[in-house]
Amino acid sequence: MLMKRTNQEEVVEPKKGLATKALILKAALEIASKAGLEGLTIGNIAETVKMSKSGVFAHFGSREELQVEVVRAYYRGFEELVFIPALSKPKGLPRLNQMISSWLQMSIGGDTSSCFFISGAAEYDDRPGIVRDELVRSVEDWRAAILRAIKESVVAGHLKKSVNADALLFQLYSIVLGVHHDSRFLGNPKSLAISKKLIKEILLSNKVKK
């Protein structure tokens, strides 16, 4: 009977711990979307979730470990909002267009938080450590996905074989960076329309003529 009760407690506690950790991460994501990853403190998170600082520390050994987990949680959410929906589109330009379009929408704000891939780069461009390393891994994964979609567009016959995939990636990525800056920092309401026009022109100039 004691062994059975102990086993039950061992099952319940991890579930409770995971639920608490998820609650903390959700609060941390919301704070970081406004104050940046460097704006995260054990104190402001504990206050938000109505827990003690020691309670938060019980789930994350340090502030840096918490920040790393926030980056990972953001990446999972990014996949769900941007990458996974694009996979439902045919390989080639339809998928590439969906990826960039969804990313642009996230970058300008609205109902989504600031793109950590962009805002995080500004915070950690010269700050070595595990948080920067995690951000770099996330950004490189995303850039690799865009590059793969560009190459698939060439294979599918949508884009010219002469396309420099790395240069096109740089162009598309730079445009989204510009939108994030102009929309969020300068409050330019025209930035999204300008970016869409530029992307359309760039892809059209590299498109196979039929």
Protein backbone atom coordinates (compact mmCIF):
# COMPACT_ATOMS: atom_id res chain seq x y z
CA MET A 1 0.00 0.00 0.00
CA LEU A 2 2.82 2.41 0.88
CA MET A 3 4.71 1.49 -2.26
CA LYS A 4 1.60 2.04 -4.36
CA ARG A 5 0.99 5.47 -2.79
CA THR A 6 4.65 6.43 -3.29
CA ASN A 7 4.46 5.49 -6.95
CA GLN A 8 1.32 7.56 -7.38
CA GLU A 9 3.03 10.55 -5.78
CA GLU A 10 6.03 10.08 -8.07
CA VAL A 11 3.70 10.19 -11.05
CA VAL A 12 1.73 13.22 -9.85
CA GLU A 13 4.70 15.34 -8.80
CA PRO A 14 6.47 15.36 -12.17
CA LYS A 15 3.20 16.31 -13.89
CA LYS A 16 2.67 19.10 -11.40
CA GLY A 17 6.26 20.21 -11.88
CA LEU A 18 5.90 20.26 -15.66
CA ALA A 19 2.71 22.31 -15.41
CA THR A 20 4.42 24.82 -13.11
CA LYS A 21 7.43 25.03 -15.40
CA ALA A 22 5.16 25.63 -18.39
CA LEU A 23 3.41 28.44 -16.48
CA ILE A 24 6.76 30.06 -15.67
CA LEU A 25 7.94 29.79 -19.27
CA LYS A 26 4.72 31.34 -20.56
CA ALA A 27 5.13 34.30 -18.24
CA ALA A 28 8.81 34.62 -19.16
CA LEU A 29 7.97 34.64 -22.86
CA GLU A 30 5.46 37.44 -22.36
CA ILE A 31 7.96 39.50 -20.38
CA ALA A 32 10.79 38.88 -22.87
CA SER A 33 8.57 39.86 -25.81
CA LYS A 34 8.33 43.35 -24.33
CA ALA A 35 11.51 43.80 -22.27
CA GLY A 36 13.84 41.50 -24.19
CA LEU A 37 15.67 38.46 -22.88
CA GLU A 38 17.88 40.70 -20.78
CA GLY A 39 14.73 42.10 -19.19
CA LEU A 40 14.03 38.73 -17.60
CA THR A 41 14.75 38.41 -13.91
CA ILE A 42 13.82 35.74 -11.42
CA GLY A 43 12.13 38.50 -9.44
CA ASN A 44 9.77 39.83 -12.11
CA ILE A 45 8.84 36.31 -13.18
CA ALA A 46 8.15 35.23 -9.59
CA GLU A 47 5.95 38.29 -9.14
CA THR A 48 4.04 37.57 -12.37
CA VAL A 49 3.29 33.93 -11.54
CA LYS A 50 2.74 34.65 -7.82
CA MET A 51 5.57 32.40 -6.68
CA SER A 52 8.61 32.82 -4.49
CA LYS A 53 12.01 33.37 -6.11
CA SER A 54 13.16 30.06 -4.66
CA GLY A 55 10.15 28.41 -6.30
CA VAL A 56 11.21 29.70 -9.69
CA PHE A 57 14.82 28.72 -9.03
CA ALA A 58 13.64 25.18 -8.27
CA HIS A 59 12.76 24.77 -11.95
CA PHE A 60 15.69 26.70 -13.43
CA GLY A 61 19.14 26.57 -11.92
CA SER A 62 20.11 30.06 -13.02
CA ARG A 63 18.87 33.12 -14.89
CA GLU A 64 20.86 32.08 -17.96
CA GLU A 65 19.31 28.61 -17.95
CA LEU A 66 15.89 30.24 -17.77
CA GLN A 67 16.76 32.48 -20.73
CA VAL A 68 17.93 29.46 -22.74
CA GLU A 69 14.65 27.67 -22.00
CA VAL A 70 12.74 30.76 -23.10
CA VAL A 71 14.63 30.78 -26.42
CA ARG A 72 13.78 27.11 -26.91
CA ALA A 73 10.14 27.68 -26.04
CA TYR A 74 10.04 30.60 -28.48
CA TYR A 75 11.56 28.40 -31.18
CA ARG A 76 8.84 25.78 -30.68
CA GLY A 77 6.17 28.47 -30.96
CA PHE A 78 7.89 29.91 -34.03
CA GLU A 79 7.80 26.50 -35.68
CA GLU A 80 4.08 26.17 -34.99
CA LEU A 81 3.21 29.66 -36.28
CA VAL A 82 5.62 29.98 -39.20
CA PHE A 83 7.38 26.82 -40.28
CA ILE A 84 4.86 24.00 -39.86
CA PRO A 85 2.03 25.80 -41.74
CA ALA A 86 4.45 26.32 -44.64
CA LEU A 87 5.02 22.57 -44.89
CA SER A 88 1.41 22.18 -46.02
CA LYS A 89 2.29 24.15 -49.15
CA PRO A 90 3.87 22.49 -52.21
CA LYS A 91 7.67 22.52 -52.30
CA GLY A 92 9.16 25.48 -54.11
CA LEU A 93 7.88 29.04 -54.31
CA PRO A 94 4.51 28.35 -52.61
CA ARG A 95 6.32 27.09 -49.51
CA LEU A 96 9.00 29.80 -49.62
CA ASN A 97 6.39 32.54 -49.99
CA GLN A 98 4.40 31.16 -47.05
CA MET A 99 7.48 31.03 -44.84
CA ILE A 100 8.49 34.61 -45.56
CA SER A 101 4.93 35.96 -45.42
CA SER A 102 4.26 34.41 -42.00
CA TRP A 103 7.61 35.60 -40.69
CA LEU A 104 6.95 39.14 -41.89
CA GLN A 105 3.60 39.14 -40.12
CA MET A 106 5.24 38.01 -36.90
CA SER A 107 7.97 40.63 -37.23
CA ILE A 108 5.62 43.61 -37.47
CA GLY A 109 3.82 42.65 -34.27
CA GLY A 110 0.06 42.69 -34.05
CA ASP A 111 -1.06 39.62 -32.13
CA THR A 112 2.44 38.14 -31.94
CA SER A 113 5.51 38.96 -29.91
CA SER A 114 8.67 40.47 -31.29
CA CYS A 115 10.79 38.03 -33.29
CA PHE A 116 13.50 36.80 -30.92
CA PHE A 117 15.68 35.83 -33.88
CA ILE A 118 15.97 39.54 -34.70
CA SER A 119 15.61 41.30 -31.36
CA GLY A 120 17.82 38.68 -29.69
CA ALA A 121 20.59 39.29 -32.20
CA ALA A 122 20.68 42.95 -31.20
CA GLU A 123 20.88 42.01 -27.51
CA TYR A 124 23.53 39.31 -27.84
CA ASP A 125 25.61 40.24 -30.88
CA ASP A 126 28.62 40.87 -28.63
CA ARG A 127 27.63 38.90 -25.53
CA PRO A 128 29.20 35.41 -25.58
CA GLY A 129 27.58 32.69 -23.51
CA ILE A 130 24.98 29.93 -23.54
CA VAL A 131 22.06 32.27 -24.32
CA ARG A 132 23.79 33.65 -27.41
CA ASP A 133 24.77 30.11 -28.46
CA GLU A 134 21.13 28.98 -28.24
CA LEU A 135 19.95 31.99 -30.23
CA VAL A 136 22.58 31.35 -32.90
CA ARG A 137 21.48 27.71 -33.19
CA SER A 138 17.85 28.76 -33.59
CA VAL A 139 18.69 31.40 -36.21
CA GLU A 140 20.92 29.02 -38.15
CA ASP A 141 18.15 26.37 -38.17
CA TRP A 142 15.69 28.92 -39.54
CA ARG A 143 18.12 30.25 -42.15
CA ALA A 144 18.84 26.67 -43.24
CA ALA A 145 15.09 26.10 -43.70
CA ILE A 146 14.77 29.20 -45.89
CA LEU A 147 17.85 28.23 -47.90
CA ARG A 148 16.42 24.75 -48.40
CA ALA A 149 13.13 26.25 -49.65
CA ILE A 150 15.06 28.43 -52.11
CA LYS A 151 16.96 25.43 -53.46
CA GLU A 152 13.72 23.44 -53.70
CA SER A 153 12.28 26.32 -55.74
CA VAL A 154 15.15 25.91 -58.20
CA VAL A 155 14.69 22.13 -58.39
CA ALA A 156 10.93 22.60 -58.91
CA GLY A 157 11.64 24.89 -61.86
CA HIS A 158 10.16 27.95 -60.18
CA LEU A 159 13.43 29.84 -59.89
CA LYS A 160 16.31 30.04 -62.36
CA LYS A 161 19.16 27.55 -62.03
CA SER A 162 21.54 30.53 -62.04
CA VAL A 163 20.09 31.81 -58.76
CA ASN A 164 22.67 32.40 -56.05
CA ALA A 165 20.79 30.77 -53.16
CA ASP A 166 23.00 32.27 -50.46
CA ALA A 167 22.64 35.78 -51.90
CA LEU A 168 18.85 35.40 -52.18
CA LEU A 169 18.70 34.21 -48.57
CA PHE A 170 20.68 37.29 -47.54
CA GLN A 171 18.30 39.58 -49.45
CA LEU A 172 15.13 38.05 -48.01
CA TYR A 173 16.52 37.94 -44.48
CA SER A 174 17.72 41.54 -44.69
CA ILE A 175 14.30 42.74 -45.82
CA VAL A 176 12.61 41.12 -42.82
CA LEU A 177 15.24 42.70 -40.56
CA GLY A 178 14.36 46.06 -42.08
CA VAL A 179 10.65 45.54 -41.55
CA HIS A 180 11.20 44.62 -37.89
CA HIS A 181 13.26 47.79 -37.38
CA ASP A 182 11.00 50.20 -39.27
CA SER A 183 7.72 48.79 -37.99
CA ARG A 184 8.58 48.27 -34.32
CA PHE A 185 11.18 50.97 -33.74
CA LEU A 186 10.17 53.72 -36.17
CA GLY A 187 6.47 52.88 -36.25
CA ASN A 188 6.37 53.06 -40.04
CA PRO A 189 3.00 51.65 -41.17
CA LYS A 190 4.22 51.36 -44.76
CA SER A 191 7.09 49.00 -44.01
CA LEU A 192 5.11 45.79 -44.57
CA ALA A 193 3.75 46.91 -47.95
CA ILE A 194 7.21 48.08 -49.03
CA SER A 195 8.79 44.77 -48.03
CA LYS A 196 6.19 42.69 -49.84
CA LYS A 197 6.74 44.71 -53.00
CA LEU A 198 10.52 44.30 -52.77
CA ILE A 199 10.27 40.55 -52.18
CA LYS A 200 7.87 40.14 -55.08
CA GLU A 201 10.23 42.04 -57.38
CA ILE A 202 13.27 40.05 -56.25
CA LEU A 203 11.56 36.69 -56.71
CA LEU A 204 10.09 37.78 -60.04
CA SER A 205 13.54 38.75 -61.34
CA ASN A 206 14.78 35.26 -60.43
CA LYS A 207 11.70 33.41 -61.64
CA VAL A 208 11.78 31.05 -64.60
CA LYS A 209 9.96 32.65 -67.50
CA LYS A 210 7.43 30.44 -69.20
